[in-house]
Amino acid sequence: MLTLQQQRKRMYKVGYIFSLISIIALTFVSLIILIFAVVTLGHTAVVALGLTVLFKIIFLLVFIVLYIILFINIKRAYVQCGTDKEKDHLALGIVCVLFMTPSAIFILIATSMFHE
């Protein structure tokens, strides 16, 4: 049987994985739409749509960097904060402010279930 802290850590990891998968999936969907638009619209829209692809790639890279920073900050927070409740609220605040994805809601629900 897992302890309460191990269950929380597992939920955080699952939330991070779902966030990353959702970001990558949105990028691929936008690329598919872009390819479809280029095929149907012709060469006139290539420049505008190319800039859209460039924006999506930069967006994805920025989010990957933010995930690395978030992981480091949460690891530091677990060392510096006092109680488990403070650690959870700090981590959830960072996740919700930076990402606001459905996985942040998932993490919030999962950790609130574990609080007694």
PDB file of N, CA and C in Angstrom:
ATOM      1  N   MET A   1       0.850  -1.186   0.000  1.00  0.00           N
ATOM      2  CA  MET A   1       0.000   0.000   0.000  1.00  0.00           C
ATOM      3  C   MET A   1       0.891   1.243   0.000  1.00  0.00           C
ATOM      4  N   LEU A   2       0.563   2.187  -0.859  1.00  0.00           N
ATOM      5  CA  LEU A   2       1.341   3.410  -0.966  1.00  0.00           C
ATOM      6  C   LEU A   2       0.965   4.386   0.144  1.00  0.00           C
ATOM      7  N   THR A   3       1.969   5.130   0.598  1.00  0.00           N
ATOM      8  CA  THR A   3       1.686   6.165   1.584  1.00  0.00           C
ATOM      9  C   THR A   3       1.027   7.358   0.889  1.00  0.00           C
ATOM     10  N   LEU A   4       0.544   8.281   1.700  1.00  0.00           N
ATOM     11  CA  LEU A   4      -0.139   9.460   1.168  1.00  0.00           C
ATOM     12  C   LEU A   4       0.795  10.294   0.293  1.00  0.00           C
ATOM     13  N   GLN A   5       2.034  10.465   0.741  1.00  0.00           N
ATOM     14  CA  GLN A   5       2.990  11.266  -0.022  1.00  0.00           C
ATOM     15  C   GLN A   5       3.356  10.582  -1.340  1.00  0.00           C
ATOM     16  N   GLN A   6       3.490   9.261  -1.341  1.00  0.00           N
ATOM     17  CA  GLN A   6       3.785   8.543  -2.582  1.00  0.00           C
ATOM     18  C   GLN A   6       2.628   8.656  -3.568  1.00  0.00           C
ATOM     19  N   GLN A   7       1.397   8.623  -3.054  1.00  0.00           N
ATOM     20  CA  GLN A   7       0.235   8.774  -3.928  1.00  0.00           C
ATOM     21  C   GLN A   7       0.200  10.168  -4.549  1.00  0.00           C
ATOM     22  N   ARG A   8       0.535  11.191  -3.761  1.00  0.00           N
ATOM     23  CA  ARG A   8       0.572  12.556  -4.289  1.00  0.00           C
ATOM     24  C   ARG A   8       1.618  12.688  -5.386  1.00  0.00           C
ATOM     25  N   LYS A   9       2.812  12.154  -5.121  1.00  0.00           N
ATOM     26  CA  LYS A   9       3.875  12.243  -6.120  1.00  0.00           C
ATOM     27  C   LYS A   9       3.471  11.543  -7.411  1.00  0.00           C
ATOM     28  N   ARG A  10       2.807  10.412  -7.291  1.00  0.00           N
ATOM     29  CA  ARG A  10       2.355   9.687  -8.477  1.00  0.00           C
ATOM     30  C   ARG A  10       1.334  10.519  -9.254  1.00  0.00           C
ATOM     31  N   MET A  11       0.426  11.187  -8.546  1.00  0.00           N
ATOM     32  CA  MET A  11      -0.569  12.016  -9.223  1.00  0.00           C
ATOM     33  C   MET A  11       0.080  13.209  -9.923  1.00  0.00           C
ATOM     34  N   TYR A  12       1.097  13.820  -9.301  1.00  0.00           N
ATOM     35  CA  TYR A  12       1.800  14.913  -9.955  1.00  0.00           C
ATOM     36  C   TYR A  12       2.448  14.439 -11.246  1.00  0.00           C
ATOM     37  N   LYS A  13       3.119  13.283 -11.188  1.00  0.00           N
ATOM     38  CA  LYS A  13       3.780  12.764 -12.388  1.00  0.00           C
ATOM     39  C   LYS A  13       2.772  12.492 -13.496  1.00  0.00           C
ATOM     40  N   VAL A  14       1.646  11.902 -13.146  1.00  0.00           N
ATOM     41  CA  VAL A  14       0.608  11.629 -14.147  1.00  0.00           C
ATOM     42  C   VAL A  14       0.088  12.942 -14.732  1.00  0.00           C
ATOM     43  N   GLY A  15      -0.096  13.942 -13.898  1.00  0.00           N
ATOM     44  CA  GLY A  15      -0.555  15.242 -14.388  1.00  0.00           C
ATOM     45  C   GLY A  15       0.432  15.880 -15.343  1.00  0.00           C
ATOM     46  N   TYR A  16       1.729  15.802 -15.027  1.00  0.00           N
ATOM     47  CA  TYR A  16       2.740  16.349 -15.925  1.00  0.00           C
ATOM     48  C   TYR A  16       2.730  15.621 -17.263  1.00  0.00           C
ATOM     49  N   ILE A  17       2.619  14.306 -17.216  1.00  0.00           N
ATOM     50  CA  ILE A  17       2.616  13.522 -18.453  1.00  0.00           C
ATOM     51  C   ILE A  17       1.402  13.879 -19.303  1.00  0.00           C
ATOM     52  N   PHE A  18       0.220  13.988 -18.676  1.00  0.00           N
ATOM     53  CA  PHE A  18      -0.977  14.354 -19.430  1.00  0.00           C
ATOM     54  C   PHE A  18      -0.862  15.765 -20.009  1.00  0.00           C
ATOM     55  N   SER A  19      -0.266  16.695 -19.271  1.00  0.00           N
ATOM     56  CA  SER A  19      -0.088  18.050 -19.788  1.00  0.00           C
ATOM     57  C   SER A  19       0.811  18.051 -21.011  1.00  0.00           C
ATOM     58  N   LEU A  20       1.925  17.340 -20.913  1.00  0.00           N
ATOM     59  CA  LEU A  20       2.859  17.292 -22.031  1.00  0.00           C
ATOM     60  C   LEU A  20       2.228  16.626 -23.243  1.00  0.00           C
ATOM     61  N   ILE A  21       1.496  15.544 -23.020  1.00  0.00           N
ATOM     62  CA  ILE A  21       0.825  14.860 -24.127  1.00  0.00           C
ATOM     63  C   ILE A  21      -0.218  15.776 -24.766  1.00  0.00           C
ATOM     64  N   SER A  22      -0.948  16.529 -23.944  1.00  0.00           N
ATOM     65  CA  SER A  22      -1.970  17.419 -24.513  1.00  0.00           C
ATOM     66  C   SER A  22      -1.340  18.533 -25.335  1.00  0.00           C
ATOM     67  N   ILE A  23      -0.206  19.070 -24.887  1.00  0.00           N
ATOM     68  CA  ILE A  23       0.468  20.119 -25.656  1.00  0.00           C
ATOM     69  C   ILE A  23       0.967  19.570 -26.986  1.00  0.00           C
ATOM     70  N   ILE A  24       1.597  18.391 -26.953  1.00  0.00           N
ATOM     71  CA  ILE A  24       2.104  17.784 -28.186  1.00  0.00           C
ATOM     72  C   ILE A  24       0.952  17.429 -29.123  1.00  0.00           C
ATOM     73  N   ALA A  25      -0.133  16.904 -28.566  1.00  0.00           N
ATOM     74  CA  ALA A  25      -1.282  16.543 -29.400  1.00  0.00           C
ATOM     75  C   ALA A  25      -1.889  17.773 -30.070  1.00  0.00           C
ATOM     76  N   LEU A  26      -2.008  18.871 -29.331  1.00  0.00           N
ATOM     77  CA  LEU A  26      -2.533  20.100 -29.934  1.00  0.00           C
ATOM     78  C   LEU A  26      -1.630  20.604 -31.050  1.00  0.00           C
ATOM     79  N   THR A  27      -0.316  20.466 -30.856  1.00  0.00           N
ATOM     80  CA  THR A  27       0.615  20.885 -31.897  1.00  0.00           C
ATOM     81  C   THR A  27       0.458  20.032 -33.145  1.00  0.00           C
ATOM     82  N   PHE A  28       0.343  18.712 -32.976  1.00  0.00           N
ATOM     83  CA  PHE A  28       0.178  17.844 -34.134  1.00  0.00           C
ATOM     84  C   PHE A  28      -1.148  18.095 -34.847  1.00  0.00           C
ATOM     85  N   VAL A  29      -2.200  18.327 -34.090  1.00  0.00           N
ATOM     86  CA  VAL A  29      -3.496  18.629 -34.718  1.00  0.00           C
ATOM     87  C   VAL A  29      -3.409  19.913 -35.526  1.00  0.00           C
ATOM     88  N   SER A  30      -2.741  20.921 -34.975  1.00  0.00           N
ATOM     89  CA  SER A  30      -2.608  22.173 -35.723  1.00  0.00           C
ATOM     90  C   SER A  30      -1.748  21.983 -36.965  1.00  0.00           C
ATOM     91  N   LEU A  31      -0.728  21.118 -36.891  1.00  0.00           N
ATOM     92  CA  LEU A  31       0.080  20.842 -38.076  1.00  0.00           C
ATOM     93  C   LEU A  31      -0.730  20.116 -39.143  1.00  0.00           C
ATOM     94  N   ILE A  32      -1.580  19.189 -38.733  1.00  0.00           N
ATOM     95  CA  ILE A  32      -2.431  18.481 -39.696  1.00  0.00           C
ATOM     96  C   ILE A  32      -3.396  19.452 -40.366  1.00  0.00           C
ATOM     97  N   ILE A  33      -3.978  20.349 -39.573  1.00  0.00           N
ATOM     98  CA  ILE A  33      -4.871  21.364 -40.144  1.00  0.00           C
ATOM     99  C   ILE A  33      -4.102  22.264 -41.102  1.00  0.00           C
ATOM    100  N   LEU A  34      -2.863  22.595 -40.741  1.00  0.00           N
ATOM    101  CA  LEU A  34      -2.028  23.427 -41.599  1.00  0.00           C
ATOM    102  C   LEU A  34      -1.755  22.740 -42.931  1.00  0.00           C
ATOM    103  N   ILE A  35      -1.395  21.470 -42.890  1.00  0.00           N
ATOM    104  CA  ILE A  35      -1.127  20.724 -44.124  1.00  0.00           C
ATOM    105  C   ILE A  35      -2.386  20.655 -44.986  1.00  0.00           C
ATOM    106  N   PHE A  36      -3.509  20.388 -44.355  1.00  0.00           N
ATOM    107  CA  PHE A  36      -4.776  20.340 -45.089  1.00  0.00           C
ATOM    108  C   PHE A  36      -5.087  21.694 -45.726  1.00  0.00           C
ATOM    109  N   ALA A  37      -4.845  22.775 -44.999  1.00  0.00           N
ATOM    110  CA  ALA A  37      -5.117  24.113 -45.528  1.00  0.00           C
ATOM    111  C   ALA A  37      -4.202  24.442 -46.699  1.00  0.00           C
ATOM    112  N   VAL A  38      -2.927  24.055 -46.602  1.00  0.00           N
ATOM    113  CA  VAL A  38      -1.992  24.317 -47.694  1.00  0.00           C
ATOM    114  C   VAL A  38      -2.405  23.546 -48.939  1.00  0.00           C
ATOM    115  N   VAL A  39      -2.825  22.292 -48.758  1.00  0.00           N
ATOM    116  CA  VAL A  39      -3.239  21.479 -49.903  1.00  0.00           C
ATOM    117  C   VAL A  39      -4.487  22.062 -50.557  1.00  0.00           C
ATOM    118  N   THR A  40      -5.440  22.504 -49.758  1.00  0.00           N
ATOM    119  CA  THR A  40      -6.695  23.000 -50.334  1.00  0.00           C
ATOM    120  C   THR A  40      -6.607  24.451 -50.806  1.00  0.00           C
ATOM    121  N   LEU A  41      -5.865  25.296 -50.103  1.00  0.00           N
ATOM    122  CA  LEU A  41      -5.826  26.715 -50.455  1.00  0.00           C
ATOM    123  C   LEU A  41      -4.780  27.046 -51.510  1.00  0.00           C
ATOM    124  N   GLY A  42      -3.774  26.242 -51.636  1.00  0.00           N
ATOM    125  CA  GLY A  42      -2.740  26.517 -52.619  1.00  0.00           C
ATOM    126  C   GLY A  42      -1.580  27.278 -52.013  1.00  0.00           C
ATOM    127  N   HIS A  43      -0.783  27.880 -52.908  1.00  0.00           N
ATOM    128  CA  HIS A  43       0.472  28.502 -52.477  1.00  0.00           C
ATOM    129  C   HIS A  43       0.298  29.891 -51.882  1.00  0.00           C
ATOM    130  N   THR A  44      -0.844  30.501 -52.035  1.00  0.00           N
ATOM    131  CA  THR A  44      -1.020  31.867 -51.525  1.00  0.00           C
ATOM    132  C   THR A  44      -1.022  31.922 -50.007  1.00  0.00           C
ATOM    133  N   ALA A  45      -1.486  30.856 -49.373  1.00  0.00           N
ATOM    134  CA  ALA A  45      -1.575  30.852 -47.914  1.00  0.00           C
ATOM    135  C   ALA A  45      -0.362  30.221 -47.250  1.00  0.00           C
ATOM    136  N   VAL A  46       0.634  29.817 -48.040  1.00  0.00           N
ATOM    137  CA  VAL A  46       1.780  29.101 -47.481  1.00  0.00           C
ATOM    138  C   VAL A  46       2.568  29.973 -46.513  1.00  0.00           C
ATOM    139  N   VAL A  47       2.767  31.231 -46.856  1.00  0.00           N
ATOM    140  CA  VAL A  47       3.571  32.110 -45.999  1.00  0.00           C
ATOM    141  C   VAL A  47       2.889  32.332 -44.655  1.00  0.00           C
ATOM    142  N   ALA A  48       1.622  32.654 -44.668  1.00  0.00           N
ATOM    143  CA  ALA A  48       0.894  32.888 -43.416  1.00  0.00           C
ATOM    144  C   ALA A  48       0.819  31.620 -42.581  1.00  0.00           C
ATOM    145  N   LEU A  49       0.568  30.506 -43.232  1.00  0.00           N
ATOM    146  CA  LEU A  49       0.476  29.256 -42.494  1.00  0.00           C
ATOM    147  C   LEU A  49       1.846  28.786 -42.014  1.00  0.00           C
ATOM    148  N   GLY A  50       2.886  29.112 -42.765  1.00  0.00           N
ATOM    149  CA  GLY A  50       4.244  28.786 -42.325  1.00  0.00           C
ATOM    150  C   GLY A  50       4.607  29.522 -41.046  1.00  0.00           C
ATOM    151  N   LEU A  51       4.193  30.776 -40.958  1.00  0.00           N
ATOM    152  CA  LEU A  51       4.415  31.528 -39.724  1.00  0.00           C
ATOM    153  C   LEU A  51       3.646  30.917 -38.561  1.00  0.00           C
ATOM    154  N   THR A  52       2.474  30.373 -38.845  1.00  0.00           N
ATOM    155  CA  THR A  52       1.696  29.698 -37.805  1.00  0.00           C
ATOM    156  C   THR A  52       2.436  28.474 -37.284  1.00  0.00           C
ATOM    157  N   VAL A  53       3.026  27.707 -38.203  1.00  0.00           N
ATOM    158  CA  VAL A  53       3.795  26.527 -37.789  1.00  0.00           C
ATOM    159  C   VAL A  53       4.991  26.942 -36.951  1.00  0.00           C
ATOM    160  N   LEU A  54       5.678  27.991 -37.385  1.00  0.00           N
ATOM    161  CA  LEU A  54       6.827  28.480 -36.626  1.00  0.00           C
ATOM    162  C   LEU A  54       6.408  28.900 -35.220  1.00  0.00           C
ATOM    163  N   PHE A  55       5.274  29.580 -35.108  1.00  0.00           N
ATOM    164  CA  PHE A  55       4.766  29.974 -33.801  1.00  0.00           C
ATOM    165  C   PHE A  55       4.466  28.753 -32.938  1.00  0.00           C
ATOM    166  N   LYS A  56       3.853  27.718 -33.530  1.00  0.00           N
ATOM    167  CA  LYS A  56       3.524  26.512 -32.763  1.00  0.00           C
ATOM    168  C   LYS A  56       4.780  25.812 -32.265  1.00  0.00           C
ATOM    169  N   ILE A  57       5.816  25.757 -33.089  1.00  0.00           N
ATOM    170  CA  ILE A  57       7.063  25.100 -32.675  1.00  0.00           C
ATOM    171  C   ILE A  57       7.711  25.876 -31.539  1.00  0.00           C
ATOM    172  N   ILE A  58       7.756  27.195 -31.655  1.00  0.00           N
ATOM    173  CA  ILE A  58       8.318  28.016 -30.578  1.00  0.00           C
ATOM    174  C   ILE A  58       7.490  27.858 -29.306  1.00  0.00           C
ATOM    175  N   PHE A  59       6.167  27.835 -29.448  1.00  0.00           N
ATOM    176  CA  PHE A  59       5.261  27.643 -28.319  1.00  0.00           C
ATOM    177  C   PHE A  59       5.556  26.326 -27.610  1.00  0.00           C
ATOM    178  N   LEU A  60       5.742  25.251 -28.383  1.00  0.00           N
ATOM    179  CA  LEU A  60       6.032  23.941 -27.802  1.00  0.00           C
ATOM    180  C   LEU A  60       7.371  23.949 -27.068  1.00  0.00           C
ATOM    181  N   LEU A  61       8.388  24.562 -27.655  1.00  0.00           N
ATOM    182  CA  LEU A  61       9.698  24.621 -27.008  1.00  0.00           C
ATOM    183  C   LEU A  61       9.643  25.430 -25.714  1.00  0.00           C
ATOM    184  N   VAL A  62       8.901  26.525 -25.720  1.00  0.00           N
ATOM    185  CA  VAL A  62       8.757  27.330 -24.503  1.00  0.00           C
ATOM    186  C   VAL A  62       8.079  26.519 -23.411  1.00  0.00           C
ATOM    187  N   PHE A  63       7.045  25.745 -23.773  1.00  0.00           N
ATOM    188  CA  PHE A  63       6.364  24.935 -22.771  1.00  0.00           C
ATOM    189  C   PHE A  63       7.254  23.834 -22.225  1.00  0.00           C
ATOM    190  N   ILE A  64       8.116  23.252 -23.062  1.00  0.00           N
ATOM    191  CA  ILE A  64       9.040  22.233 -22.568  1.00  0.00           C
ATOM    192  C   ILE A  64      10.002  22.854 -21.558  1.00  0.00           C
ATOM    193  N   VAL A  65      10.509  24.043 -21.857  1.00  0.00           N
ATOM    194  CA  VAL A  65      11.396  24.740 -20.915  1.00  0.00           C
ATOM    195  C   VAL A  65      10.648  25.064 -19.626  1.00  0.00           C
ATOM    196  N   LEU A  66       9.393  25.505 -19.738  1.00  0.00           N
ATOM    197  CA  LEU A  66       8.607  25.801 -18.539  1.00  0.00           C
ATOM    198  C   LEU A  66       8.363  24.554 -17.698  1.00  0.00           C
ATOM    199  N   TYR A  67       8.186  23.402 -18.352  1.00  0.00           N
ATOM    200  CA  TYR A  67       8.022  22.163 -17.601  1.00  0.00           C
ATOM    201  C   TYR A  67       9.279  21.830 -16.810  1.00  0.00           C
ATOM    202  N   ILE A  68      10.436  22.032 -17.424  1.00  0.00           N
ATOM    203  CA  ILE A  68      11.693  21.755 -16.716  1.00  0.00           C
ATOM    204  C   ILE A  68      11.832  22.695 -15.524  1.00  0.00           C
ATOM    205  N   ILE A  69      11.558  23.984 -15.733  1.00  0.00           N
ATOM    206  CA  ILE A  69      11.632  24.954 -14.636  1.00  0.00           C
ATOM    207  C   ILE A  69      10.628  24.609 -13.542  1.00  0.00           C
ATOM    208  N   LEU A  70       9.414  24.232 -13.950  1.00  0.00           N
ATOM    209  CA  LEU A  70       8.385  23.860 -12.982  1.00  0.00           C
ATOM    210  C   LEU A  70       8.813  22.663 -12.148  1.00  0.00           C
ATOM    211  N   PHE A  71       9.392  21.664 -12.793  1.00  0.00           N
ATOM    212  CA  PHE A  71       9.831  20.476 -12.071  1.00  0.00           C
ATOM    213  C   PHE A  71      10.906  20.831 -11.051  1.00  0.00           C
ATOM    214  N   ILE A  72      11.857  21.670 -11.442  1.00  0.00           N
ATOM    215  CA  ILE A  72      12.921  22.085 -10.518  1.00  0.00           C
ATOM    216  C   ILE A  72      12.332  22.881  -9.355  1.00  0.00           C
ATOM    217  N   ASN A  73      11.398  23.794  -9.641  1.00  0.00           N
ATOM    218  CA  ASN A  73      10.805  24.613  -8.583  1.00  0.00           C
ATOM    219  C   ASN A  73       9.994  23.780  -7.604  1.00  0.00           C
ATOM    220  N   ILE A  74       9.245  22.816  -8.110  1.00  0.00           N
ATOM    221  CA  ILE A  74       8.461  21.976  -7.208  1.00  0.00           C
ATOM    222  C   ILE A  74       9.377  21.116  -6.357  1.00  0.00           C
ATOM    223  N   LYS A  75      10.471  20.647  -6.934  1.00  0.00           N
ATOM    224  CA  LYS A  75      11.423  19.856  -6.151  1.00  0.00           C
ATOM    225  C   LYS A  75      12.021  20.711  -5.025  1.00  0.00           C
ATOM    226  N   ARG A  76      12.357  21.969  -5.340  1.00  0.00           N
ATOM    227  CA  ARG A  76      12.863  22.881  -4.304  1.00  0.00           C
ATOM    228  C   ARG A  76      11.791  23.170  -3.259  1.00  0.00           C
ATOM    229  N   ALA A  77      10.552  23.331  -3.714  1.00  0.00           N
ATOM    230  CA  ALA A  77       9.461  23.639  -2.784  1.00  0.00           C
ATOM    231  C   ALA A  77       9.257  22.508  -1.798  1.00  0.00           C
ATOM    232  N   TYR A  78       9.416  21.276  -2.254  1.00  0.00           N
ATOM    233  CA  TYR A  78       9.260  20.154  -1.345  1.00  0.00           C
ATOM    234  C   TYR A  78      10.348  20.143  -0.284  1.00  0.00           C
ATOM    235  N   VAL A  79      11.510  20.676  -0.626  1.00  0.00           N
ATOM    236  CA  VAL A  79      12.583  20.729   0.364  1.00  0.00           C
ATOM    237  C   VAL A  79      12.373  21.897   1.324  1.00  0.00           C
ATOM    238  N   GLN A  80      11.935  23.055   0.803  1.00  0.00           N
ATOM    239  CA  GLN A  80      11.877  24.272   1.608  1.00  0.00           C
ATOM    240  C   GLN A  80      10.587  24.444   2.397  1.00  0.00           C
ATOM    241  N   CYS A  81       9.463  23.998   1.870  1.00  0.00           N
ATOM    242  CA  CYS A  81       8.185  24.221   2.555  1.00  0.00           C
ATOM    243  C   CYS A  81       8.054  23.318   3.768  1.00  0.00           C
ATOM    244  N   GLY A  82       7.188  23.721   4.656  1.00  0.00           N
ATOM    245  CA  GLY A  82       7.022  22.975   5.890  1.00  0.00           C
ATOM    246  C   GLY A  82       6.109  21.774   5.767  1.00  0.00           C
ATOM    247  N   THR A  83       4.819  22.001   5.693  1.00  0.00           N
ATOM    248  CA  THR A  83       3.867  20.891   5.722  1.00  0.00           C
ATOM    249  C   THR A  83       3.556  20.410   4.310  1.00  0.00           C
ATOM    250  N   ASP A  84       2.950  19.234   4.232  1.00  0.00           N
ATOM    251  CA  ASP A  84       2.558  18.687   2.937  1.00  0.00           C
ATOM    252  C   ASP A  84       1.503  19.555   2.264  1.00  0.00           C
ATOM    253  N   LYS A  85       0.621  20.149   3.064  1.00  0.00           N
ATOM    254  CA  LYS A  85      -0.439  20.975   2.493  1.00  0.00           C
ATOM    255  C   LYS A  85       0.156  22.215   1.827  1.00  0.00           C
ATOM    256  N   GLU A  86       1.155  22.835   2.461  1.00  0.00           N
ATOM    257  CA  GLU A  86       1.813  23.993   1.859  1.00  0.00           C
ATOM    258  C   GLU A  86       2.506  23.609   0.564  1.00  0.00           C
ATOM    259  N   LYS A  87       3.158  22.458   0.557  1.00  0.00           N
ATOM    260  CA  LYS A  87       3.841  21.995  -0.653  1.00  0.00           C
ATOM    261  C   LYS A  87       2.846  21.783  -1.781  1.00  0.00           C
ATOM    262  N   ASP A  88       1.727  21.168  -1.471  1.00  0.00           N
ATOM    263  CA  ASP A  88       0.716  20.910  -2.498  1.00  0.00           C
ATOM    264  C   ASP A  88       0.167  22.207  -3.073  1.00  0.00           C
ATOM    265  N   HIS A  89      -0.132  23.175  -2.210  1.00  0.00           N
ATOM    266  CA  HIS A  89      -0.711  24.423  -2.698  1.00  0.00           C
ATOM    267  C   HIS A  89       0.296  25.217  -3.524  1.00  0.00           C
ATOM    268  N   LEU A  90       1.565  25.180  -3.145  1.00  0.00           N
ATOM    269  CA  LEU A  90       2.584  25.866  -3.934  1.00  0.00           C
ATOM    270  C   LEU A  90       2.709  25.230  -5.312  1.00  0.00           C
ATOM    271  N   ALA A  91       2.786  23.913  -5.348  1.00  0.00           N
ATOM    272  CA  ALA A  91       2.924  23.209  -6.624  1.00  0.00           C
ATOM    273  C   ALA A  91       1.701  23.423  -7.503  1.00  0.00           C
ATOM    274  N   LEU A  92       0.517  23.343  -6.913  1.00  0.00           N
ATOM    275  CA  LEU A  92      -0.710  23.540  -7.688  1.00  0.00           C
ATOM    276  C   LEU A  92      -0.823  24.966  -8.210  1.00  0.00           C
ATOM    277  N   GLY A  93      -0.380  25.920  -7.417  1.00  0.00           N
ATOM    278  CA  GLY A  93      -0.400  27.304  -7.878  1.00  0.00           C
ATOM    279  C   GLY A  93       0.478  27.504  -9.096  1.00  0.00           C
ATOM    280  N   ILE A  94       1.678  26.926  -9.061  1.00  0.00           N
ATOM    281  CA  ILE A  94       2.581  27.040 -10.208  1.00  0.00           C
ATOM    282  C   ILE A  94       1.972  26.376 -11.433  1.00  0.00           C
ATOM    283  N   VAL A  95       1.437  25.167 -11.249  1.00  0.00           N
ATOM    284  CA  VAL A  95       0.858  24.436 -12.381  1.00  0.00           C
ATOM    285  C   VAL A  95      -0.317  25.202 -12.976  1.00  0.00           C
ATOM    286  N   CYS A  96      -1.223  25.681 -12.136  1.00  0.00           N
ATOM    287  CA  CYS A  96      -2.428  26.343 -12.639  1.00  0.00           C
ATOM    288  C   CYS A  96      -2.105  27.666 -13.316  1.00  0.00           C
ATOM    289  N   VAL A  97      -1.173  28.431 -12.758  1.00  0.00           N
ATOM    290  CA  VAL A  97      -0.854  29.726 -13.351  1.00  0.00           C
ATOM    291  C   VAL A  97      -0.123  29.557 -14.674  1.00  0.00           C
ATOM    292  N   LEU A  98       0.846  28.635 -14.740  1.00  0.00           N
ATOM    293  CA  LEU A  98       1.639  28.503 -15.954  1.00  0.00           C
ATOM    294  C   LEU A  98       0.889  27.797 -17.073  1.00  0.00           C
ATOM    295  N   PHE A  99       0.097  26.814 -16.752  1.00  0.00           N
ATOM    296  CA  PHE A  99      -0.432  25.961 -17.809  1.00  0.00           C
ATOM    297  C   PHE A  99      -1.933  26.053 -18.000  1.00  0.00           C
ATOM    298  N   MET A 100      -2.699  26.057 -16.913  1.00  0.00           N
ATOM    299  CA  MET A 100      -4.164  26.093 -16.983  1.00  0.00           C
ATOM    300  C   MET A 100      -4.719  25.051 -17.946  1.00  0.00           C
ATOM    301  N   THR A 101      -4.181  23.863 -17.874  1.00  0.00           N
ATOM    302  CA  THR A 101      -4.645  22.769 -18.725  1.00  0.00           C
ATOM    303  C   THR A 101      -5.607  21.901 -17.936  1.00  0.00           C
ATOM    304  N   PRO A 102      -6.315  21.012 -18.600  1.00  0.00           N
ATOM    305  CA  PRO A 102      -7.185  20.086 -17.861  1.00  0.00           C
ATOM    306  C   PRO A 102      -6.418  19.239 -16.860  1.00  0.00           C
ATOM    307  N   SER A 103      -5.135  18.988 -17.129  1.00  0.00           N
ATOM    308  CA  SER A 103      -4.372  18.183 -16.182  1.00  0.00           C
ATOM    309  C   SER A 103      -4.132  18.933 -14.876  1.00  0.00           C
ATOM    310  N   ALA A 104      -4.104  20.271 -14.918  1.00  0.00           N
ATOM    311  CA  ALA A 104      -3.985  21.027 -13.672  1.00  0.00           C
ATOM    312  C   ALA A 104      -5.223  20.812 -12.815  1.00  0.00           C
ATOM    313  N   ILE A 105      -6.380  20.755 -13.466  1.00  0.00           N
ATOM    314  CA  ILE A 105      -7.615  20.455 -12.739  1.00  0.00           C
ATOM    315  C   ILE A 105      -7.559  19.034 -12.192  1.00  0.00           C
ATOM    316  N   PHE A 106      -7.011  18.118 -12.998  1.00  0.00           N
ATOM    317  CA  PHE A 106      -6.857  16.728 -12.567  1.00  0.00           C
ATOM    318  C   PHE A 106      -5.968  16.645 -11.327  1.00  0.00           C
ATOM    319  N   ILE A 107      -4.859  17.375 -11.338  1.00  0.00           N
ATOM    320  CA  ILE A 107      -3.955  17.372 -10.184  1.00  0.00           C
ATOM    321  C   ILE A 107      -4.662  17.958  -8.964  1.00  0.00           C
ATOM    322  N   LEU A 108      -5.404  19.039  -9.164  1.00  0.00           N
ATOM    323  CA  LEU A 108      -6.120  19.675  -8.057  1.00  0.00           C
ATOM    324  C   LEU A 108      -7.120  18.712  -7.431  1.00  0.00           C
ATOM    325  N   ILE A 109      -7.884  18.017  -8.264  1.00  0.00           N
ATOM    326  CA  ILE A 109      -8.866  17.055  -7.749  1.00  0.00           C
ATOM    327  C   ILE A 109      -8.167  15.903  -7.048  1.00  0.00           C
ATOM    328  N   ALA A 110      -7.091  15.396  -7.665  1.00  0.00           N
ATOM    329  CA  ALA A 110      -6.399  14.235  -7.102  1.00  0.00           C
ATOM    330  C   ALA A 110      -5.784  14.556  -5.748  1.00  0.00           C
ATOM    331  N   THR A 111      -5.138  15.712  -5.629  1.00  0.00           N
ATOM    332  CA  THR A 111      -4.502  16.035  -4.353  1.00  0.00           C
ATOM    333  C   THR A 111      -5.526  16.412  -3.295  1.00  0.00           C
ATOM    334  N   SER A 112      -6.626  17.033  -3.700  1.00  0.00           N
ATOM    335  CA  SER A 112      -7.632  17.381  -2.697  1.00  0.00           C
ATOM    336  C   SER A 112      -8.313  16.129  -2.147  1.00  0.00           C
ATOM    337  N   MET A 113      -8.347  15.059  -2.924  1.00  0.00           N
ATOM    338  CA  MET A 113      -8.920  13.808  -2.424  1.00  0.00           C
ATOM    339  C   MET A 113      -8.055  13.219  -1.316  1.00  0.00           C
ATOM    340  N   PHE A 114      -6.736  13.479  -1.389  1.00  0.00           N
ATOM    341  CA  PHE A 114      -5.838  12.877  -0.415  1.00  0.00           C
ATOM    342  C   PHE A 114      -5.750  13.666   0.878  1.00  0.00           C
ATOM    343  N   HIS A 115      -6.189  14.939   0.857  1.00  0.00           N
ATOM    344  CA  HIS A 115      -6.160  15.714   2.097  1.00  0.00           C
ATOM    345  C   HIS A 115      -7.264  15.234   3.020  1.00  0.00           C
ATOM    346  N   GLU A 116      -6.907  15.095   4.279  1.00  0.00           N
ATOM    347  CA  GLU A 116      -7.882  14.562   5.241  1.00  0.00           C
ATOM    348  C   GLU A 116      -8.710  15.685   5.848  1.00  0.00           C
TER     349      GLU A 116
END
